[in-house]
Amino acid sequence: MTKYYKLSDDVAVPGRWELGKLCDARGEEIWPALLMRGEPAQIEGRIRVPVKMAGQPLDFSHAAFGIPVVHVRVAAVFMELAGNDAQFFPVDIEGDSEQYRILNVTQVVKCIDDQASEEVRYWKPEDGRPEKTGQYRAVYGLRIAPSKVGEARVFRTWGWTVALVVSEELKDALDRIGASGTKFKEV
């Protein structure tokens, strides 16, 4: 059975850069949730992102609010192995001439294994957010049920779309190209 991994930004890379908030061509902040819902997004013009803290550029890193920013060679791996489940937007990074893309994962899979995960919390009526009652409020030690994933190679988890999950095949391909900044945790 295929293994799956939560892909995140390796913040322990020494001397790494830190990216700020995404802005559109007019300099207005792009609403981060637009790129975290697991569905196609529409963004006009080029995206810009400032470097919040100067340092070593990475092939995979997060801009503010966990938005994935990838070098074009990482984008090529995603396009080859998970083309229909990922959308890319060109992005200009302040002070860097390399080509980068915003990665928007457009697939959501209902696969969180509540029992196998370390802890899951749900919104309750007494939390005062009736529109969220019954939805995940927090997921710690995420585990998924691989049998529910189907053919997806990259996806966000239903109900907890902050998690970005990749298949073992995609993880191995990123490892083979030596993509810097990636951190994988089996789920």
C-alpha atoms as a PDB file:
ATOM      1  CA  MET A   1       0.000   0.000   0.000  1.00  0.00           C
ATOM      2  CA  THR A   2       1.210   3.495  -0.852  1.00  0.00           C
ATOM      3  CA  LYS A   3       2.554   5.599   1.992  1.00  0.00           C
ATOM      4  CA  TYR A   4       1.645   9.258   2.388  1.00  0.00           C
ATOM      5  CA  TYR A   5       3.526  12.150   3.929  1.00  0.00           C
ATOM      6  CA  LYS A   6       2.609  15.551   5.272  1.00  0.00           C
ATOM      7  CA  LEU A   7       4.796  18.007   3.380  1.00  0.00           C
ATOM      8  CA  SER A   8       5.850  21.106   5.245  1.00  0.00           C
ATOM      9  CA  ASP A   9       8.464  23.825   5.210  1.00  0.00           C
ATOM     10  CA  ASP A  10      11.647  22.766   7.038  1.00  0.00           C
ATOM     11  CA  VAL A  11      12.074  25.781   9.296  1.00  0.00           C
ATOM     12  CA  ALA A  12      15.214  24.195  10.843  1.00  0.00           C
ATOM     13  CA  VAL A  13      17.330  24.818   7.717  1.00  0.00           C
ATOM     14  CA  PRO A  14      20.139  27.067   9.003  1.00  0.00           C
ATOM     15  CA  GLY A  15      20.499  30.472   7.377  1.00  0.00           C
ATOM     16  CA  ARG A  16      17.311  30.098   5.338  1.00  0.00           C
ATOM     17  CA  TRP A  17      15.131  32.874   4.056  1.00  0.00           C
ATOM     18  CA  GLU A  18      11.699  33.698   5.403  1.00  0.00           C
ATOM     19  CA  LEU A  19       9.003  34.930   3.064  1.00  0.00           C
ATOM     20  CA  GLY A  20       6.248  37.428   3.840  1.00  0.00           C
ATOM     21  CA  LYS A  21       2.646  37.969   2.715  1.00  0.00           C
ATOM     22  CA  LEU A  22       1.555  37.494  -0.884  1.00  0.00           C
ATOM     23  CA  CYS A  23       0.532  40.654  -2.710  1.00  0.00           C
ATOM     24  CA  ASP A  24      -1.054  41.233  -6.096  1.00  0.00           C
ATOM     25  CA  ALA A  25       0.331  43.533  -8.806  1.00  0.00           C
ATOM     26  CA  ARG A  26      -1.334  46.533  -7.078  1.00  0.00           C
ATOM     27  CA  GLY A  27       0.407  45.742  -3.788  1.00  0.00           C
ATOM     28  CA  GLU A  28      -2.769  44.521  -2.084  1.00  0.00           C
ATOM     29  CA  GLU A  29      -2.554  41.434   0.119  1.00  0.00           C
ATOM     30  CA  ILE A  30      -3.933  38.236  -1.414  1.00  0.00           C
ATOM     31  CA  TRP A  31      -6.415  36.491   0.856  1.00  0.00           C
ATOM     32  CA  PRO A  32      -4.440  33.383   2.034  1.00  0.00           C
ATOM     33  CA  ALA A  33      -7.507  31.132   2.387  1.00  0.00           C
ATOM     34  CA  LEU A  34      -7.961  31.401  -1.372  1.00  0.00           C
ATOM     35  CA  LEU A  35      -4.921  29.124  -1.727  1.00  0.00           C
ATOM     36  CA  MET A  36      -5.656  26.791   1.192  1.00  0.00           C
ATOM     37  CA  ARG A  37      -9.140  25.520   0.326  1.00  0.00           C
ATOM     38  CA  GLY A  38      -8.072  22.711  -1.970  1.00  0.00           C
ATOM     39  CA  GLU A  39      -9.817  24.123  -5.012  1.00  0.00           C
ATOM     40  CA  PRO A  40      -8.777  26.070  -8.112  1.00  0.00           C
ATOM     41  CA  ALA A  41      -8.191  29.779  -7.531  1.00  0.00           C
ATOM     42  CA  GLN A  42      -8.361  32.801  -9.800  1.00  0.00           C
ATOM     43  CA  ILE A  43      -5.658  35.452  -9.334  1.00  0.00           C
ATOM     44  CA  GLU A  44      -5.157  38.310 -11.753  1.00  0.00           C
ATOM     45  CA  GLY A  45      -1.666  39.522 -12.632  1.00  0.00           C
ATOM     46  CA  ARG A  46       1.640  38.588 -11.079  1.00  0.00           C
ATOM     47  CA  ILE A  47       1.999  37.767  -7.425  1.00  0.00           C
ATOM     48  CA  ARG A  48       4.756  39.363  -5.401  1.00  0.00           C
ATOM     49  CA  VAL A  49       6.180  38.270  -2.073  1.00  0.00           C
ATOM     50  CA  PRO A  50       8.719  40.124   0.059  1.00  0.00           C
ATOM     51  CA  VAL A  51      11.617  38.443   1.808  1.00  0.00           C
ATOM     52  CA  LYS A  52      10.827  38.946   5.489  1.00  0.00           C
ATOM     53  CA  MET A  53      14.222  37.666   6.613  1.00  0.00           C
ATOM     54  CA  ALA A  54      17.129  37.424   4.169  1.00  0.00           C
ATOM     55  CA  GLY A  55      18.914  34.126   3.842  1.00  0.00           C
ATOM     56  CA  GLN A  56      19.416  31.054   1.676  1.00  0.00           C
ATOM     57  CA  PRO A  57      16.636  30.646  -0.928  1.00  0.00           C
ATOM     58  CA  LEU A  58      14.862  27.279  -0.772  1.00  0.00           C
ATOM     59  CA  ASP A  59      13.213  25.110  -3.418  1.00  0.00           C
ATOM     60  CA  PHE A  60      10.187  24.679  -1.144  1.00  0.00           C
ATOM     61  CA  SER A  61       9.152  27.169   1.502  1.00  0.00           C
ATOM     62  CA  HIS A  62       6.075  28.786   2.905  1.00  0.00           C
ATOM     63  CA  ALA A  63       5.113  32.399   2.480  1.00  0.00           C
ATOM     64  CA  ALA A  64       3.015  33.904   5.274  1.00  0.00           C
ATOM     65  CA  PHE A  65       0.050  31.776   6.412  1.00  0.00           C
ATOM     66  CA  GLY A  66       1.613  28.556   5.075  1.00  0.00           C
ATOM     67  CA  ILE A  67       1.230  29.256   1.342  1.00  0.00           C
ATOM     68  CA  PRO A  68       3.681  26.958  -0.542  1.00  0.00           C
ATOM     69  CA  VAL A  69       6.243  28.688  -2.762  1.00  0.00           C
ATOM     70  CA  VAL A  70       8.244  26.350  -5.004  1.00  0.00           C
ATOM     71  CA  HIS A  71      11.140  26.696  -7.415  1.00  0.00           C
ATOM     72  CA  VAL A  72      10.193  25.863 -11.018  1.00  0.00           C
ATOM     73  CA  ARG A  73      12.082  22.551 -10.834  1.00  0.00           C
ATOM     74  CA  VAL A  74       9.863  21.487  -7.903  1.00  0.00           C
ATOM     75  CA  ALA A  75       6.797  22.703  -9.806  1.00  0.00           C
ATOM     76  CA  ALA A  76       7.889  20.490 -12.728  1.00  0.00           C
ATOM     77  CA  VAL A  77       7.867  17.414 -10.458  1.00  0.00           C
ATOM     78  CA  PHE A  78       4.360  18.237  -9.229  1.00  0.00           C
ATOM     79  CA  MET A  79       3.155  18.845 -12.794  1.00  0.00           C
ATOM     80  CA  GLU A  80       4.573  15.535 -13.981  1.00  0.00           C
ATOM     81  CA  LEU A  81       3.230  13.385 -11.150  1.00  0.00           C
ATOM     82  CA  ALA A  82       0.117  15.249  -9.988  1.00  0.00           C
ATOM     83  CA  GLY A  83      -0.701  17.676 -12.788  1.00  0.00           C
ATOM     84  CA  ASN A  84      -4.477  17.786 -12.384  1.00  0.00           C
ATOM     85  CA  ASP A  85      -4.311  18.189  -8.611  1.00  0.00           C
ATOM     86  CA  ALA A  86      -2.039  21.231  -8.555  1.00  0.00           C
ATOM     87  CA  GLN A  87      -2.262  24.755  -9.895  1.00  0.00           C
ATOM     88  CA  PHE A  88       0.675  27.144 -10.214  1.00  0.00           C
ATOM     89  CA  PHE A  89       0.937  30.924 -10.235  1.00  0.00           C
ATOM     90  CA  PRO A  90       4.122  32.795 -11.162  1.00  0.00           C
ATOM     91  CA  VAL A  91       5.515  34.784  -8.247  1.00  0.00           C
ATOM     92  CA  ASP A  92       8.205  37.441  -8.034  1.00  0.00           C
ATOM     93  CA  ILE A  93      10.286  37.171  -4.880  1.00  0.00           C
ATOM     94  CA  GLU A  94      11.867  40.401  -3.749  1.00  0.00           C
ATOM     95  CA  GLY A  95      15.574  40.481  -4.594  1.00  0.00           C
ATOM     96  CA  ASP A  96      15.664  37.029  -6.240  1.00  0.00           C
ATOM     97  CA  SER A  97      15.886  36.486  -9.992  1.00  0.00           C
ATOM     98  CA  GLU A  98      15.120  32.748  -9.940  1.00  0.00           C
ATOM     99  CA  GLN A  99      11.751  31.497 -11.135  1.00  0.00           C
ATOM    100  CA  TYR A 100       9.269  30.477  -8.456  1.00  0.00           C
ATOM    101  CA  ARG A 101       5.619  29.466  -8.408  1.00  0.00           C
ATOM    102  CA  ILE A 102       2.860  29.511  -5.822  1.00  0.00           C
ATOM    103  CA  LEU A 103       1.605  25.934  -5.405  1.00  0.00           C
ATOM    104  CA  ASN A 104      -2.157  25.669  -5.010  1.00  0.00           C
ATOM    105  CA  VAL A 105      -3.304  22.107  -4.329  1.00  0.00           C
ATOM    106  CA  THR A 106      -6.745  21.635  -5.885  1.00  0.00           C
ATOM    107  CA  GLN A 107      -7.718  18.242  -4.480  1.00  0.00           C
ATOM    108  CA  VAL A 108      -9.327  17.567  -1.088  1.00  0.00           C
ATOM    109  CA  VAL A 109      -9.635  14.011   0.236  1.00  0.00           C
ATOM    110  CA  LYS A 110     -11.787  12.930   3.182  1.00  0.00           C
ATOM    111  CA  CYS A 111      -9.286  10.572   4.800  1.00  0.00           C
ATOM    112  CA  ILE A 112      -8.325  11.708   8.326  1.00  0.00           C
ATOM    113  CA  ASP A 113      -8.274   8.727  10.654  1.00  0.00           C
ATOM    114  CA  ASP A 114      -9.588  10.192  13.912  1.00  0.00           C
ATOM    115  CA  GLN A 115      -8.736   7.098  15.978  1.00  0.00           C
ATOM    116  CA  ALA A 116      -5.168   6.742  14.682  1.00  0.00           C
ATOM    117  CA  SER A 117      -4.395  10.484  14.928  1.00  0.00           C
ATOM    118  CA  GLU A 118      -2.854  11.628  18.208  1.00  0.00           C
ATOM    119  CA  GLU A 119      -5.742  13.990  18.986  1.00  0.00           C
ATOM    120  CA  VAL A 120      -8.610  15.587  17.079  1.00  0.00           C
ATOM    121  CA  ARG A 121     -10.842  18.353  18.348  1.00  0.00           C
ATOM    122  CA  TYR A 122     -14.131  19.475  16.871  1.00  0.00           C
ATOM    123  CA  TRP A 123     -15.960  22.769  17.060  1.00  0.00           C
ATOM    124  CA  LYS A 124     -18.823  22.464  19.540  1.00  0.00           C
ATOM    125  CA  PRO A 125     -22.021  24.526  19.867  1.00  0.00           C
ATOM    126  CA  GLU A 126     -20.691  26.112  23.067  1.00  0.00           C
ATOM    127  CA  ASP A 127     -17.677  27.486  21.132  1.00  0.00           C
ATOM    128  CA  GLY A 128     -19.977  30.155  19.705  1.00  0.00           C
ATOM    129  CA  ARG A 129     -19.202  29.434  16.044  1.00  0.00           C
ATOM    130  CA  PRO A 130     -22.359  27.669  14.828  1.00  0.00           C
ATOM    131  CA  GLU A 131     -21.154  27.642  11.211  1.00  0.00           C
ATOM    132  CA  LYS A 132     -18.192  25.487  12.294  1.00  0.00           C
ATOM    133  CA  THR A 133     -19.956  23.072  14.678  1.00  0.00           C
ATOM    134  CA  GLY A 134     -18.924  19.508  13.898  1.00  0.00           C
ATOM    135  CA  GLN A 135     -15.868  20.514  11.849  1.00  0.00           C
ATOM    136  CA  TYR A 136     -12.266  19.911  12.876  1.00  0.00           C
ATOM    137  CA  ARG A 137     -10.932  22.568  15.213  1.00  0.00           C
ATOM    138  CA  ALA A 138      -7.489  20.976  15.595  1.00  0.00           C
ATOM    139  CA  VAL A 139      -5.694  17.836  14.466  1.00  0.00           C
ATOM    140  CA  TYR A 140      -2.532  16.733  16.267  1.00  0.00           C
ATOM    141  CA  GLY A 141      -0.370  13.832  15.115  1.00  0.00           C
ATOM    142  CA  LEU A 142      -2.297  13.568  11.845  1.00  0.00           C
ATOM    143  CA  ARG A 143      -2.860  10.065  10.509  1.00  0.00           C
ATOM    144  CA  ILE A 144      -4.865   9.232   7.428  1.00  0.00           C
ATOM    145  CA  ALA A 145      -6.638   6.143   6.105  1.00  0.00           C
ATOM    146  CA  PRO A 146      -4.654   5.410   2.898  1.00  0.00           C
ATOM    147  CA  SER A 147      -7.497   3.230   1.608  1.00  0.00           C
ATOM    148  CA  LYS A 148      -9.638   6.393   1.264  1.00  0.00           C
ATOM    149  CA  VAL A 149      -7.133   8.348  -0.842  1.00  0.00           C
ATOM    150  CA  GLY A 150      -7.734   6.787  -4.253  1.00  0.00           C
ATOM    151  CA  GLU A 151      -5.404   7.973  -7.031  1.00  0.00           C
ATOM    152  CA  ALA A 152      -4.458  11.355  -5.531  1.00  0.00           C
ATOM    153  CA  ARG A 153      -0.738  12.097  -5.331  1.00  0.00           C
ATOM    154  CA  VAL A 154      -1.077  15.505  -3.678  1.00  0.00           C
ATOM    155  CA  PHE A 155      -4.047  16.745  -1.672  1.00  0.00           C
ATOM    156  CA  ARG A 156      -5.303  18.641   1.306  1.00  0.00           C
ATOM    157  CA  THR A 157      -7.207  16.764   3.989  1.00  0.00           C
ATOM    158  CA  TRP A 158     -10.947  17.374   4.151  1.00  0.00           C
ATOM    159  CA  GLY A 159     -11.891  19.373   7.220  1.00  0.00           C
ATOM    160  CA  TRP A 160      -8.275  20.262   7.993  1.00  0.00           C
ATOM    161  CA  THR A 161      -6.995  21.806   4.795  1.00  0.00           C
ATOM    162  CA  VAL A 162      -3.860  23.237   6.409  1.00  0.00           C
ATOM    163  CA  ALA A 163      -2.346  19.772   5.931  1.00  0.00           C
ATOM    164  CA  LEU A 164      -0.652  19.256   2.562  1.00  0.00           C
ATOM    165  CA  VAL A 165      -0.170  15.540   1.848  1.00  0.00           C
ATOM    166  CA  VAL A 166       1.903  13.889  -0.887  1.00  0.00           C
ATOM    167  CA  SER A 167       2.249  10.288  -2.012  1.00  0.00           C
ATOM    168  CA  GLU A 168       5.442   8.322  -1.485  1.00  0.00           C
ATOM    169  CA  GLU A 169       6.079   8.548  -5.243  1.00  0.00           C
ATOM    170  CA  LEU A 170       5.976  12.345  -5.135  1.00  0.00           C
ATOM    171  CA  LYS A 171       8.109  12.458  -1.968  1.00  0.00           C
ATOM    172  CA  ASP A 172      10.724  10.195  -3.572  1.00  0.00           C
ATOM    173  CA  ALA A 173      10.803  12.342  -6.728  1.00  0.00           C
ATOM    174  CA  LEU A 174      11.372  15.496  -4.651  1.00  0.00           C
ATOM    175  CA  ASP A 175      14.124  13.703  -2.709  1.00  0.00           C
ATOM    176  CA  ARG A 176      15.762  12.594  -5.992  1.00  0.00           C
ATOM    177  CA  ILE A 177      16.074  16.170  -7.251  1.00  0.00           C
ATOM    178  CA  GLY A 178      17.407  17.257  -3.857  1.00  0.00           C
ATOM    179  CA  ALA A 179      14.627  19.792  -3.249  1.00  0.00           C
ATOM    180  CA  SER A 180      15.747  22.015  -0.385  1.00  0.00           C
ATOM    181  CA  GLY A 181      13.325  23.115   2.330  1.00  0.00           C
ATOM    182  CA  THR A 182      11.090  20.053   2.253  1.00  0.00           C
ATOM    183  CA  LYS A 183      10.153  18.249   5.447  1.00  0.00           C
ATOM    184  CA  PHE A 184       8.169  15.007   5.297  1.00  0.00           C
ATOM    185  CA  LYS A 185       6.312  13.230   8.085  1.00  0.00           C
ATOM    186  CA  GLU A 186       4.551   9.961   7.360  1.00  0.00           C
ATOM    187  CA  VAL A 187       0.830  10.161   7.972  1.00  0.00           C
END
